[in-house]
PDB file of N, CA and C in Angstrom:
ATOM      1  N   MET A   1      75.583   6.274  13.981  1.00  0.00           N
ATOM      2  CA  MET A   1      75.027   5.196  14.740  1.00  0.00           C
ATOM      3  C   MET A   1      75.633   4.424  13.308  1.00  0.00           C
ATOM      4  N   GLY A   2      76.636   3.178  13.013  1.00  0.00           N
ATOM      5  CA  GLY A   2      76.578   3.063  12.216  1.00  0.00           C
ATOM      6  C   GLY A   2      76.316   2.210  11.224  1.00  0.00           C
ATOM      7  N   LYS A   3      76.511   1.852   9.821  1.00  0.00           N
ATOM      8  CA  LYS A   3      75.482   0.962   8.993  1.00  0.00           C
ATOM      9  C   LYS A   3      75.104  -0.054   9.277  1.00  0.00           C
ATOM     10  N   LYS A   4      74.122  -0.815   8.851  1.00  0.00           N
ATOM     11  CA  LYS A   4      72.701  -1.611   9.309  1.00  0.00           C
ATOM     12  C   LYS A   4      72.038  -2.420   8.063  1.00  0.00           C
ATOM     13  N   VAL A   5      72.749  -3.837   8.531  1.00  0.00           N
ATOM     14  CA  VAL A   5      72.238  -3.794   7.133  1.00  0.00           C
ATOM     15  C   VAL A   5      71.207  -5.173   7.623  1.00  0.00           C
ATOM     16  N   PHE A   6      70.040  -5.363   7.046  1.00  0.00           N
ATOM     17  CA  PHE A   6      68.941  -5.619   7.622  1.00  0.00           C
ATOM     18  C   PHE A   6      68.061  -6.670   6.393  1.00  0.00           C
ATOM     19  N   ALA A   7      68.838  -8.053   7.011  1.00  0.00           N
ATOM     20  CA  ALA A   7      67.925  -8.994   5.752  1.00  0.00           C
ATOM     21  C   ALA A   7      65.780  -9.276   6.174  1.00  0.00           C
ATOM     22  N   TYR A   8      65.929  -9.631   4.765  1.00  0.00           N
ATOM     23  CA  TYR A   8      64.481  -9.779   4.798  1.00  0.00           C
ATOM     24  C   TYR A   8      64.351 -11.134   5.429  1.00  0.00           C
ATOM     25  N   LYS A   9      62.968 -10.995   6.326  1.00  0.00           N
ATOM     26  CA  LYS A   9      62.098 -11.565   7.205  1.00  0.00           C
ATOM     27  C   LYS A   9      63.300 -13.058   7.774  1.00  0.00           C
ATOM     28  N   SER A  10      64.135 -11.386   9.044  1.00  0.00           N
ATOM     29  CA  SER A  10      65.097 -12.095   9.344  1.00  0.00           C
ATOM     30  C   SER A  10      64.820 -11.648  11.189  1.00  0.00           C
ATOM     31  N   LYS A  11      63.400 -11.379  10.625  1.00  0.00           N
ATOM     32  CA  LYS A  11      63.344 -11.190  12.732  1.00  0.00           C
ATOM     33  C   LYS A  11      61.498 -11.448  12.718  1.00  0.00           C
ATOM     34  N   GLU A  12      60.852 -12.262  13.692  1.00  0.00           N
ATOM     35  CA  GLU A  12      59.977 -12.219  13.841  1.00  0.00           C
ATOM     36  C   GLU A  12      59.167 -12.378  13.202  1.00  0.00           C
ATOM     37  N   ILE A  13      58.126 -12.871  12.754  1.00  0.00           N
ATOM     38  CA  ILE A  13      56.502 -12.424  12.174  1.00  0.00           C
ATOM     39  C   ILE A  13      55.881 -11.948  13.520  1.00  0.00           C
ATOM     40  N   THR A  14      55.046 -10.622  12.924  1.00  0.00           N
ATOM     41  CA  THR A  14      54.425 -10.627  13.779  1.00  0.00           C
ATOM     42  C   THR A  14      52.678 -10.450  13.081  1.00  0.00           C
ATOM     43  N   GLN A  15      51.408 -10.609  13.735  1.00  0.00           N
ATOM     44  CA  GLN A  15      50.722 -10.745  12.930  1.00  0.00           C
ATOM     45  C   GLN A  15      49.046  -9.648  12.884  1.00  0.00           C
ATOM     46  N   TYR A  16      48.706  -9.019  12.606  1.00  0.00           N
ATOM     47  CA  TYR A  16      47.931  -7.944  12.221  1.00  0.00           C
ATOM     48  C   TYR A  16      46.605  -8.660  11.655  1.00  0.00           C
ATOM     49  N   PRO A  17      45.376  -8.421  11.838  1.00  0.00           N
ATOM     50  CA  PRO A  17      43.867  -8.375  10.930  1.00  0.00           C
ATOM     51  C   PRO A  17      44.230  -8.863   9.957  1.00  0.00           C
ATOM     52  N   GLY A  18      44.131  -9.180   8.635  1.00  0.00           N
ATOM     53  CA  GLY A  18      44.416  -9.166   7.832  1.00  0.00           C
ATOM     54  C   GLY A  18      45.319  -9.342   6.541  1.00  0.00           C
ATOM     55  N   ALA A  19      46.830  -9.404   7.793  1.00  0.00           N
ATOM     56  CA  ALA A  19      47.998  -9.148   7.472  1.00  0.00           C
ATOM     57  C   ALA A  19      49.184  -9.475   8.437  1.00  0.00           C
ATOM     58  N   TYR A  20      50.090 -10.091   7.602  1.00  0.00           N
ATOM     59  CA  TYR A  20      51.277 -10.555   8.931  1.00  0.00           C
ATOM     60  C   TYR A  20      52.253  -9.940   8.298  1.00  0.00           C
ATOM     61  N   SER A  21      53.661  -9.648   9.512  1.00  0.00           N
ATOM     62  CA  SER A  21      54.609  -8.456   8.377  1.00  0.00           C
ATOM     63  C   SER A  21      56.339  -8.853   9.239  1.00  0.00           C
ATOM     64  N   TRP A  22      57.049  -8.288   9.016  1.00  0.00           N
ATOM     65  CA  TRP A  22      58.667  -9.054   9.600  1.00  0.00           C
ATOM     66  C   TRP A  22      58.900  -7.651   8.807  1.00  0.00           C
ATOM     67  N   GLU A  23      58.978  -7.235  10.906  1.00  0.00           N
ATOM     68  CA  GLU A  23      60.443  -5.443  10.754  1.00  0.00           C
ATOM     69  C   GLU A  23      61.278  -5.439  10.250  1.00  0.00           C
ATOM     70  N   TYR A  24      61.464  -4.053   9.571  1.00  0.00           N
ATOM     71  CA  TYR A  24      63.523  -4.371   8.971  1.00  0.00           C
ATOM     72  C   TYR A  24      63.430  -4.036   9.852  1.00  0.00           C
ATOM     73  N   PHE A  25      63.170  -2.235  10.485  1.00  0.00           N
ATOM     74  CA  PHE A  25      64.162  -2.178  11.804  1.00  0.00           C
ATOM     75  C   PHE A  25      63.005  -0.743  12.509  1.00  0.00           C
ATOM     76  N   SER A  26      63.425  -1.051  13.626  1.00  0.00           N
ATOM     77  CA  SER A  26      62.288  -0.334  14.423  1.00  0.00           C
ATOM     78  C   SER A  26      62.929   0.867  14.984  1.00  0.00           C
ATOM     79  N   GLU A  27      62.142   1.423  15.224  1.00  0.00           N
ATOM     80  CA  GLU A  27      62.294   2.927  15.836  1.00  0.00           C
ATOM     81  C   GLU A  27      63.334   2.915  16.570  1.00  0.00           C
ATOM     82  N   GLU A  28      63.972   1.975  17.013  1.00  0.00           N
ATOM     83  CA  GLU A  28      65.411   1.924  18.123  1.00  0.00           C
ATOM     84  C   GLU A  28      66.646   1.744  17.575  1.00  0.00           C
ATOM     85  N   GLU A  29      66.040   1.093  16.637  1.00  0.00           N
ATOM     86  CA  GLU A  29      67.529   1.132  15.484  1.00  0.00           C
ATOM     87  C   GLU A  29      67.347   1.195  14.207  1.00  0.00           C
ATOM     88  N   SER A  30      66.118   2.477  14.064  1.00  0.00           N
ATOM     89  CA  SER A  30      66.533   3.512  13.308  1.00  0.00           C
ATOM     90  C   SER A  30      68.026   4.811  13.363  1.00  0.00           C
ATOM     91  N   ALA A  31      68.167   5.566  12.529  1.00  0.00           N
ATOM     92  CA  ALA A  31      69.122   6.749  12.419  1.00  0.00           C
ATOM     93  C   ALA A  31      68.244   7.577  12.201  1.00  0.00           C
ATOM     94  N   CYS A  32      66.636   7.648  12.611  1.00  0.00           N
ATOM     95  CA  CYS A  32      66.366   8.929  12.962  1.00  0.00           C
ATOM     96  C   CYS A  32      65.152   8.562  14.062  1.00  0.00           C
ATOM     97  N   LYS A  33      65.132   9.827  14.613  1.00  0.00           N
ATOM     98  CA  LYS A  33      63.835   9.256  16.265  1.00  0.00           C
ATOM     99  C   LYS A  33      62.619   9.041  14.557  1.00  0.00           C
ATOM    100  N   GLY A  34      61.686   7.856  15.544  1.00  0.00           N
ATOM    101  CA  GLY A  34      60.060   7.881  14.866  1.00  0.00           C
ATOM    102  C   GLY A  34      59.943   7.024  13.457  1.00  0.00           C
ATOM    103  N   PHE A  35      61.178   6.947  13.363  1.00  0.00           N
ATOM    104  CA  PHE A  35      61.300   6.126  11.484  1.00  0.00           C
ATOM    105  C   PHE A  35      61.097   4.543  11.886  1.00  0.00           C
ATOM    106  N   LYS A  36      60.717   3.906  11.282  1.00  0.00           N
ATOM    107  CA  LYS A  36      60.856   2.193  11.039  1.00  0.00           C
ATOM    108  C   LYS A  36      59.991   2.005   9.743  1.00  0.00           C
ATOM    109  N   ALA A  37      60.085   0.721   9.569  1.00  0.00           N
ATOM    110  CA  ALA A  37      60.437  -0.345   8.155  1.00  0.00           C
ATOM    111  C   ALA A  37      59.911  -1.812   8.284  1.00  0.00           C
ATOM    112  N   MET A  38      59.234  -1.647   7.556  1.00  0.00           N
ATOM    113  CA  MET A  38      58.504  -3.582   7.037  1.00  0.00           C
ATOM    114  C   MET A  38      58.308  -3.615   6.050  1.00  0.00           C
ATOM    115  N   MET A  39      58.175  -5.267   5.879  1.00  0.00           N
ATOM    116  CA  MET A  39      57.181  -5.800   4.582  1.00  0.00           C
ATOM    117  C   MET A  39      56.107  -6.524   4.912  1.00  0.00           C
ATOM    118  N   ASN A  40      55.193  -5.810   4.757  1.00  0.00           N
ATOM    119  CA  ASN A  40      53.636  -6.465   5.210  1.00  0.00           C
ATOM    120  C   ASN A  40      52.966  -7.173   3.942  1.00  0.00           C
ATOM    121  N   HIS A  41      52.712  -8.714   4.202  1.00  0.00           N
ATOM    122  CA  HIS A  41      51.761  -9.844   3.185  1.00  0.00           C
ATOM    123  C   HIS A  41      50.481  -9.535   3.495  1.00  0.00           C
ATOM    124  N   PHE A  42      49.497  -8.605   3.099  1.00  0.00           N
ATOM    125  CA  PHE A  42      47.923  -8.792   3.398  1.00  0.00           C
ATOM    126  C   PHE A  42      47.620 -10.005   2.552  1.00  0.00           C
ATOM    127  N   TYR A  43      46.520 -10.812   3.436  1.00  0.00           N
ATOM    128  CA  TYR A  43      45.864 -11.728   2.322  1.00  0.00           C
ATOM    129  C   TYR A  43      44.493 -11.789   2.761  1.00  0.00           C
ATOM    130  N   ASN A  44      43.530 -10.279   3.878  1.00  0.00           N
ATOM    131  CA  ASN A  44      42.144  -9.889   3.328  1.00  0.00           C
ATOM    132  C   ASN A  44      41.284  -9.987   2.219  1.00  0.00           C
ATOM    133  N   GLU A  45      40.448 -10.293   1.533  1.00  0.00           N
ATOM    134  CA  GLU A  45      40.734  -9.433   0.501  1.00  0.00           C
ATOM    135  C   GLU A  45      39.306  -8.609   1.029  1.00  0.00           C
ATOM    136  N   GLU A  46      38.542  -8.612   2.115  1.00  0.00           N
ATOM    137  CA  GLU A  46      37.633  -6.908   2.501  1.00  0.00           C
ATOM    138  C   GLU A  46      38.771  -6.070   3.370  1.00  0.00           C
ATOM    139  N   TYR A  47      38.251  -5.348   3.358  1.00  0.00           N
ATOM    140  CA  TYR A  47      38.902  -3.615   4.388  1.00  0.00           C
ATOM    141  C   TYR A  47      38.616  -4.002   5.552  1.00  0.00           C
ATOM    142  N   ILE A  48      39.773  -4.058   6.551  1.00  0.00           N
ATOM    143  CA  ILE A  48      39.958  -4.087   7.747  1.00  0.00           C
ATOM    144  C   ILE A  48      39.064  -3.662   8.402  1.00  0.00           C
ATOM    145  N   VAL A  49      37.738  -2.884   9.233  1.00  0.00           N
ATOM    146  CA  VAL A  49      37.528  -2.421  10.458  1.00  0.00           C
ATOM    147  C   VAL A  49      37.972  -2.589  11.394  1.00  0.00           C
ATOM    148  N   PRO A  50      38.208  -1.686  12.770  1.00  0.00           N
ATOM    149  CA  PRO A  50      38.645   0.166  11.637  1.00  0.00           C
ATOM    150  C   PRO A  50      39.659   0.215  10.970  1.00  0.00           C
ATOM    151  N   TYR A  51      39.163   1.312  10.283  1.00  0.00           N
ATOM    152  CA  TYR A  51      40.977   1.764   9.406  1.00  0.00           C
ATOM    153  C   TYR A  51      42.027   2.022  10.654  1.00  0.00           C
ATOM    154  N   GLY A  52      43.337   1.580   9.831  1.00  0.00           N
ATOM    155  CA  GLY A  52      44.276   2.330  10.289  1.00  0.00           C
ATOM    156  C   GLY A  52      44.153   3.780  10.770  1.00  0.00           C
ATOM    157  N   LEU A  53      44.682   4.389  11.470  1.00  0.00           N
ATOM    158  CA  LEU A  53      44.780   5.817  11.521  1.00  0.00           C
ATOM    159  C   LEU A  53      46.332   6.161  13.133  1.00  0.00           C
ATOM    160  N   HIS A  54      46.862   7.090  12.843  1.00  0.00           N
ATOM    161  CA  HIS A  54      48.202   6.706  13.547  1.00  0.00           C
ATOM    162  C   HIS A  54      48.089   8.381  13.338  1.00  0.00           C
ATOM    163  N   GLU A  55      49.199   8.356  14.762  1.00  0.00           N
ATOM    164  CA  GLU A  55      49.730   9.642  15.007  1.00  0.00           C
ATOM    165  C   GLU A  55      51.304  10.135  14.226  1.00  0.00           C
ATOM    166  N   ASP A  56      50.954   9.705  13.208  1.00  0.00           N
ATOM    167  CA  ASP A  56      52.573   9.509  12.455  1.00  0.00           C
ATOM    168  C   ASP A  56      51.941   9.296  10.932  1.00  0.00           C
ATOM    169  N   ASN A  57      53.082  10.428   9.447  1.00  0.00           N
ATOM    170  CA  ASN A  57      52.644   9.333   8.512  1.00  0.00           C
ATOM    171  C   ASN A  57      53.223   8.110   8.244  1.00  0.00           C
ATOM    172  N   GLU A  58      52.492   7.310   7.459  1.00  0.00           N
ATOM    173  CA  GLU A  58      52.753   5.765   7.194  1.00  0.00           C
ATOM    174  C   GLU A  58      53.425   6.132   5.205  1.00  0.00           C
ATOM    175  N   GLY A  59      54.053   5.260   4.978  1.00  0.00           N
ATOM    176  CA  GLY A  59      54.818   5.173   3.491  1.00  0.00           C
ATOM    177  C   GLY A  59      54.633   3.584   2.659  1.00  0.00           C
ATOM    178  N   PHE A  60      54.068   3.901   1.205  1.00  0.00           N
ATOM    179  CA  PHE A  60      53.768   3.114   1.293  1.00  0.00           C
ATOM    180  C   PHE A  60      54.505   2.055  -0.235  1.00  0.00           C
ATOM    181  N   TYR A  61      54.882   1.001  -1.028  1.00  0.00           N
ATOM    182  CA  TYR A  61      55.631   1.182  -1.740  1.00  0.00           C
ATOM    183  C   TYR A  61      55.224  -0.625  -1.984  1.00  0.00           C
ATOM    184  N   VAL A  62      54.110  -0.889  -2.963  1.00  0.00           N
ATOM    185  CA  VAL A  62      53.684  -2.159  -3.813  1.00  0.00           C
ATOM    186  C   VAL A  62      54.551  -3.176  -4.413  1.00  0.00           C
ATOM    187  N   VAL A  63      54.888  -4.027  -3.688  1.00  0.00           N
ATOM    188  CA  VAL A  63      56.026  -4.832  -4.297  1.00  0.00           C
ATOM    189  C   VAL A  63      55.842  -5.943  -5.247  1.00  0.00           C
ATOM    190  N   SER A  64      54.786  -6.514  -4.769  1.00  0.00           N
ATOM    191  CA  SER A  64      53.985  -7.692  -5.799  1.00  0.00           C
ATOM    192  C   SER A  64      52.495  -8.017  -5.000  1.00  0.00           C
ATOM    193  N   GLY A  65      51.709  -8.328  -6.599  1.00  0.00           N
ATOM    194  CA  GLY A  65      50.725  -8.589  -6.119  1.00  0.00           C
ATOM    195  C   GLY A  65      49.441  -7.118  -6.259  1.00  0.00           C
ATOM    196  N   LYS A  66      47.897  -7.261  -6.311  1.00  0.00           N
ATOM    197  CA  LYS A  66      47.661  -6.328  -6.771  1.00  0.00           C
ATOM    198  C   LYS A  66      46.279  -6.032  -5.216  1.00  0.00           C
ATOM    199  N   GLY A  67      45.437  -4.819  -5.456  1.00  0.00           N
ATOM    200  CA  GLY A  67      44.739  -4.410  -4.162  1.00  0.00           C
ATOM    201  C   GLY A  67      44.313  -2.969  -4.408  1.00  0.00           C
ATOM    202  N   LYS A  68      43.309  -3.175  -3.822  1.00  0.00           N
ATOM    203  CA  LYS A  68      43.044  -1.315  -3.027  1.00  0.00           C
ATOM    204  C   LYS A  68      43.336  -0.803  -1.947  1.00  0.00           C
ATOM    205  N   MET A  69      43.212   0.384  -1.961  1.00  0.00           N
ATOM    206  CA  MET A  69      43.922   1.748  -0.923  1.00  0.00           C
ATOM    207  C   MET A  69      42.845   2.485  -0.235  1.00  0.00           C
ATOM    208  N   ILE A  70      41.804   3.094   0.866  1.00  0.00           N
ATOM    209  CA  ILE A  70      41.290   3.704   0.934  1.00  0.00           C
ATOM    210  C   ILE A  70      42.174   4.941   2.013  1.00  0.00           C
ATOM    211  N   ILE A  71      42.252   5.872   1.296  1.00  0.00           N
ATOM    212  CA  ILE A  71      42.909   7.087   2.207  1.00  0.00           C
ATOM    213  C   ILE A  71      41.955   8.387   2.628  1.00  0.00           C
ATOM    214  N   GLY A  72      41.698   8.583   3.406  1.00  0.00           N
ATOM    215  CA  GLY A  72      40.560   8.745   4.082  1.00  0.00           C
ATOM    216  C   GLY A  72      39.115   9.183   3.518  1.00  0.00           C
ATOM    217  N   SER A  73      38.451   9.480   1.930  1.00  0.00           N
ATOM    218  CA  SER A  73      37.125   8.727   1.366  1.00  0.00           C
ATOM    219  C   SER A  73      37.748   8.529   0.388  1.00  0.00           C
ATOM    220  N   GLU A  74      39.120   8.682  -0.448  1.00  0.00           N
ATOM    221  CA  GLU A  74      39.344   8.216  -1.205  1.00  0.00           C
ATOM    222  C   GLU A  74      39.496   6.644  -1.343  1.00  0.00           C
ATOM    223  N   GLU A  75      39.684   5.659  -3.300  1.00  0.00           N
ATOM    224  CA  GLU A  75      39.779   4.353  -3.070  1.00  0.00           C
ATOM    225  C   GLU A  75      40.974   4.422  -4.697  1.00  0.00           C
ATOM    226  N   TYR A  76      41.957   3.656  -4.365  1.00  0.00           N
ATOM    227  CA  TYR A  76      42.584   4.331  -5.046  1.00  0.00           C
ATOM    228  C   TYR A  76      43.405   2.703  -5.669  1.00  0.00           C
ATOM    229  N   ASP A  77      43.583   2.140  -6.722  1.00  0.00           N
ATOM    230  CA  ASP A  77      44.128   0.422  -7.404  1.00  0.00           C
ATOM    231  C   ASP A  77      45.586   0.628  -7.355  1.00  0.00           C
ATOM    232  N   LEU A  78      46.051  -0.416  -6.408  1.00  0.00           N
ATOM    233  CA  LEU A  78      47.334  -0.478  -6.139  1.00  0.00           C
ATOM    234  C   LEU A  78      47.869  -2.092  -6.496  1.00  0.00           C
ATOM    235  N   ALA A  79      49.447  -1.769  -7.211  1.00  0.00           N
ATOM    236  CA  ALA A  79      49.758  -2.957  -8.458  1.00  0.00           C
ATOM    237  C   ALA A  79      51.233  -2.576  -8.198  1.00  0.00           C
ATOM    238  N   PRO A  80      52.022  -3.563  -8.172  1.00  0.00           N
ATOM    239  CA  PRO A  80      53.479  -3.252  -8.590  1.00  0.00           C
ATOM    240  C   PRO A  80      54.106  -2.042  -8.811  1.00  0.00           C
ATOM    241  N   GLY A  81      54.906  -1.677  -7.923  1.00  0.00           N
ATOM    242  CA  GLY A  81      55.622  -0.118  -8.608  1.00  0.00           C
ATOM    243  C   GLY A  81      54.512   0.931  -7.834  1.00  0.00           C
ATOM    244  N   VAL A  82      53.524   1.041  -7.919  1.00  0.00           N
ATOM    245  CA  VAL A  82      52.901   2.161  -6.510  1.00  0.00           C
ATOM    246  C   VAL A  82      53.236   2.541  -5.752  1.00  0.00           C
ATOM    247  N   ALA A  83      53.240   3.773  -5.254  1.00  0.00           N
ATOM    248  CA  ALA A  83      53.757   4.317  -3.991  1.00  0.00           C
ATOM    249  C   ALA A  83      52.688   5.131  -3.356  1.00  0.00           C
ATOM    250  N   MET A  84      51.766   4.985  -2.159  1.00  0.00           N
ATOM    251  CA  MET A  84      51.214   5.565  -1.302  1.00  0.00           C
ATOM    252  C   MET A  84      51.717   6.420  -0.355  1.00  0.00           C
ATOM    253  N   LEU A  85      50.609   6.953  -0.270  1.00  0.00           N
ATOM    254  CA  LEU A  85      50.998   8.084   1.317  1.00  0.00           C
ATOM    255  C   LEU A  85      49.581   7.873   2.035  1.00  0.00           C
ATOM    256  N   ALA A  86      50.085   7.714   3.427  1.00  0.00           N
ATOM    257  CA  ALA A  86      48.737   7.838   4.441  1.00  0.00           C
ATOM    258  C   ALA A  86      49.446   9.063   5.418  1.00  0.00           C
ATOM    259  N   PRO A  87      48.860  10.554   5.275  1.00  0.00           N
ATOM    260  CA  PRO A  87      49.462  11.396   5.969  1.00  0.00           C
ATOM    261  C   PRO A  87      48.998  10.845   7.830  1.00  0.00           C
ATOM    262  N   ALA A  88      49.765  11.226   9.057  1.00  0.00           N
ATOM    263  CA  ALA A  88      49.618  11.184   9.996  1.00  0.00           C
ATOM    264  C   ALA A  88      47.407  11.844  10.398  1.00  0.00           C
ATOM    265  N   HIS A  89      47.152  10.883  10.770  1.00  0.00           N
ATOM    266  CA  HIS A  89      45.286  11.347  11.514  1.00  0.00           C
ATOM    267  C   HIS A  89      44.970  11.078  10.543  1.00  0.00           C
ATOM    268  N   VAL A  90      44.500  10.461   9.319  1.00  0.00           N
ATOM    269  CA  VAL A  90      43.832  10.781   8.283  1.00  0.00           C
ATOM    270  C   VAL A  90      43.765   8.172   8.114  1.00  0.00           C
ATOM    271  N   PRO A  91      42.468   7.967   8.097  1.00  0.00           N
ATOM    272  CA  PRO A  91      42.282   7.085   8.347  1.00  0.00           C
ATOM    273  C   PRO A  91      42.303   5.788   6.646  1.00  0.00           C
ATOM    274  N   HIS A  92      42.913   5.051   6.696  1.00  0.00           N
ATOM    275  CA  HIS A  92      43.409   3.895   5.455  1.00  0.00           C
ATOM    276  C   HIS A  92      43.266   2.979   5.853  1.00  0.00           C
ATOM    277  N   ALA A  93      42.761   1.789   4.469  1.00  0.00           N
ATOM    278  CA  ALA A  93      43.065   0.263   4.640  1.00  0.00           C
ATOM    279  C   ALA A  93      43.437  -0.131   3.539  1.00  0.00           C
ATOM    280  N   ILE A  94      43.883  -1.430   3.418  1.00  0.00           N
ATOM    281  CA  ILE A  94      44.033  -1.235   2.254  1.00  0.00           C
ATOM    282  C   ILE A  94      43.656  -3.940   2.101  1.00  0.00           C
ATOM    283  N   LYS A  95      43.426  -3.767   1.086  1.00  0.00           N
ATOM    284  CA  LYS A  95      42.649  -4.896   0.758  1.00  0.00           C
ATOM    285  C   LYS A  95      43.145  -5.101  -0.294  1.00  0.00           C
ATOM    286  N   LYS A  96      43.342  -6.252  -0.867  1.00  0.00           N
ATOM    287  CA  LYS A  96      44.239  -7.438  -1.599  1.00  0.00           C
ATOM    288  C   LYS A  96      42.831  -8.049  -2.831  1.00  0.00           C
ATOM    289  N   THR A  97      43.355  -8.297  -4.469  1.00  0.00           N
ATOM    290  CA  THR A  97      42.200  -8.462  -4.864  1.00  0.00           C
ATOM    291  C   THR A  97      42.145  -9.530  -5.986  1.00  0.00           C
ATOM    292  N   SER A  98      43.587  -9.750  -5.760  1.00  0.00           N
ATOM    293  CA  SER A  98      44.427 -10.731  -6.643  1.00  0.00           C
ATOM    294  C   SER A  98      44.565 -12.187  -6.103  1.00  0.00           C
ATOM    295  N   CYS A  99      44.106 -12.955  -6.581  1.00  0.00           N
ATOM    296  CA  CYS A  99      45.321 -14.400  -5.650  1.00  0.00           C
ATOM    297  C   CYS A  99      46.086 -14.826  -5.029  1.00  0.00           C
ATOM    298  N   GLU A 100      46.912 -14.431  -6.071  1.00  0.00           N
ATOM    299  CA  GLU A 100      47.812 -13.892  -4.966  1.00  0.00           C
ATOM    300  C   GLU A 100      47.994 -12.525  -3.599  1.00  0.00           C
ATOM    301  N   GLU A 101      49.059 -13.254  -2.869  1.00  0.00           N
ATOM    302  CA  GLU A 101      49.507 -12.369  -1.365  1.00  0.00           C
ATOM    303  C   GLU A 101      49.558 -10.301  -2.117  1.00  0.00           C
ATOM    304  N   LEU A 102      49.261  -9.991  -1.467  1.00  0.00           N
ATOM    305  CA  LEU A 102      49.351  -8.393  -1.772  1.00  0.00           C
ATOM    306  C   LEU A 102      50.817  -7.806  -0.741  1.00  0.00           C
ATOM    307  N   GLU A 103      52.055  -7.645  -1.181  1.00  0.00           N
ATOM    308  CA  GLU A 103      53.480  -7.812  -0.248  1.00  0.00           C
ATOM    309  C   GLU A 103      53.719  -6.076  -0.524  1.00  0.00           C
ATOM    310  N   ILE A 104      53.583  -5.683   0.058  1.00  0.00           N
ATOM    311  CA  ILE A 104      53.948  -4.002   0.454  1.00  0.00           C
ATOM    312  C   ILE A 104      54.995  -3.646   1.906  1.00  0.00           C
ATOM    313  N   PHE A 105      55.893  -3.203   1.400  1.00  0.00           N
ATOM    314  CA  PHE A 105      56.657  -2.315   1.905  1.00  0.00           C
ATOM    315  C   PHE A 105      56.448  -0.883   2.376  1.00  0.00           C
ATOM    316  N   LEU A 106      56.544  -0.694   3.896  1.00  0.00           N
ATOM    317  CA  LEU A 106      55.609   0.216   4.354  1.00  0.00           C
ATOM    318  C   LEU A 106      56.458   0.981   5.358  1.00  0.00           C
ATOM    319  N   PHE A 107      56.299   2.299   5.706  1.00  0.00           N
ATOM    320  CA  PHE A 107      57.460   2.853   6.370  1.00  0.00           C
ATOM    321  C   PHE A 107      56.347   3.939   7.308  1.00  0.00           C
ATOM    322  N   HIS A 108      57.379   3.916   8.858  1.00  0.00           N
ATOM    323  CA  HIS A 108      56.238   4.919   9.679  1.00  0.00           C
ATOM    324  C   HIS A 108      57.676   6.655   9.768  1.00  0.00           C
ATOM    325  N   PHE A 109      57.473   7.885  10.042  1.00  0.00           N
ATOM    326  CA  PHE A 109      57.904   8.693   9.328  1.00  0.00           C
ATOM    327  C   PHE A 109      56.850  10.068  10.751  1.00  0.00           C
ATOM    328  N   PRO A 110      57.907  10.303  11.556  1.00  0.00           N
ATOM    329  CA  PRO A 110      57.001  11.405  12.204  1.00  0.00           C
ATOM    330  C   PRO A 110      56.736  12.722  11.295  1.00  0.00           C
ATOM    331  N   VAL A 111      55.786  13.057  12.286  1.00  0.00           N
ATOM    332  CA  VAL A 111      55.412  15.075  11.187  1.00  0.00           C
ATOM    333  C   VAL A 111      56.273  15.109  11.748  1.00  0.00           C
ATOM    334  N   ILE A 112      57.259  16.553  10.890  1.00  0.00           N
ATOM    335  CA  ILE A 112      57.906  17.697  11.077  1.00  0.00           C
ATOM    336  C   ILE A 112      56.906  19.246  10.721  1.00  0.00           C
ATOM    337  N   GLU A 113      56.868  19.354  12.183  1.00  0.00           N
ATOM    338  CA  GLU A 113      56.634  20.728  12.360  1.00  0.00           C
ATOM    339  C   GLU A 113      56.922  22.064  11.996  1.00  0.00           C
ATOM    340  N   LYS A 114      57.106  23.054  10.783  1.00  0.00           N
ATOM    341  CA  LYS A 114      57.527  23.654   9.973  1.00  0.00           C
ATOM    342  C   LYS A 114      57.575  24.911  10.815  1.00  0.00           C
TER     343      LYS A 114
END
C-alpha cells in the first residue's frame, strides 16, 4: 500500500448519540486489516446507554476538553494528553464535563490471538 495522507475533516460527518465523528481512514483504506481511525467530538453530558461494546479493541487519545470515561466498572478522568484503552468485549462510555466539546482521536484495532 502506498503512502496516504488523510486531512482532518476531509470526509463526511457521521452522527452518533452524543457525538459526531470524522473518519480519518476506514478498514478498507488501512494498511492493517481491522484498523480504522477517526476524530470524535462528544457533546453529551451524561453517559449514553447502552454503553459501547465491540468485538475489537478501541483506543482513545484526548485532544481537547474534559470528561469522564467508564471502562468496565471503573470510571476515569479525561483531559488533554490522556490515552485510554477499551479492550474487546468490555463495555465503555464517555461524557464531557466542561463547557467546551470533548475532542478525542479514537481508533479500532483487532484482537490478536497468541
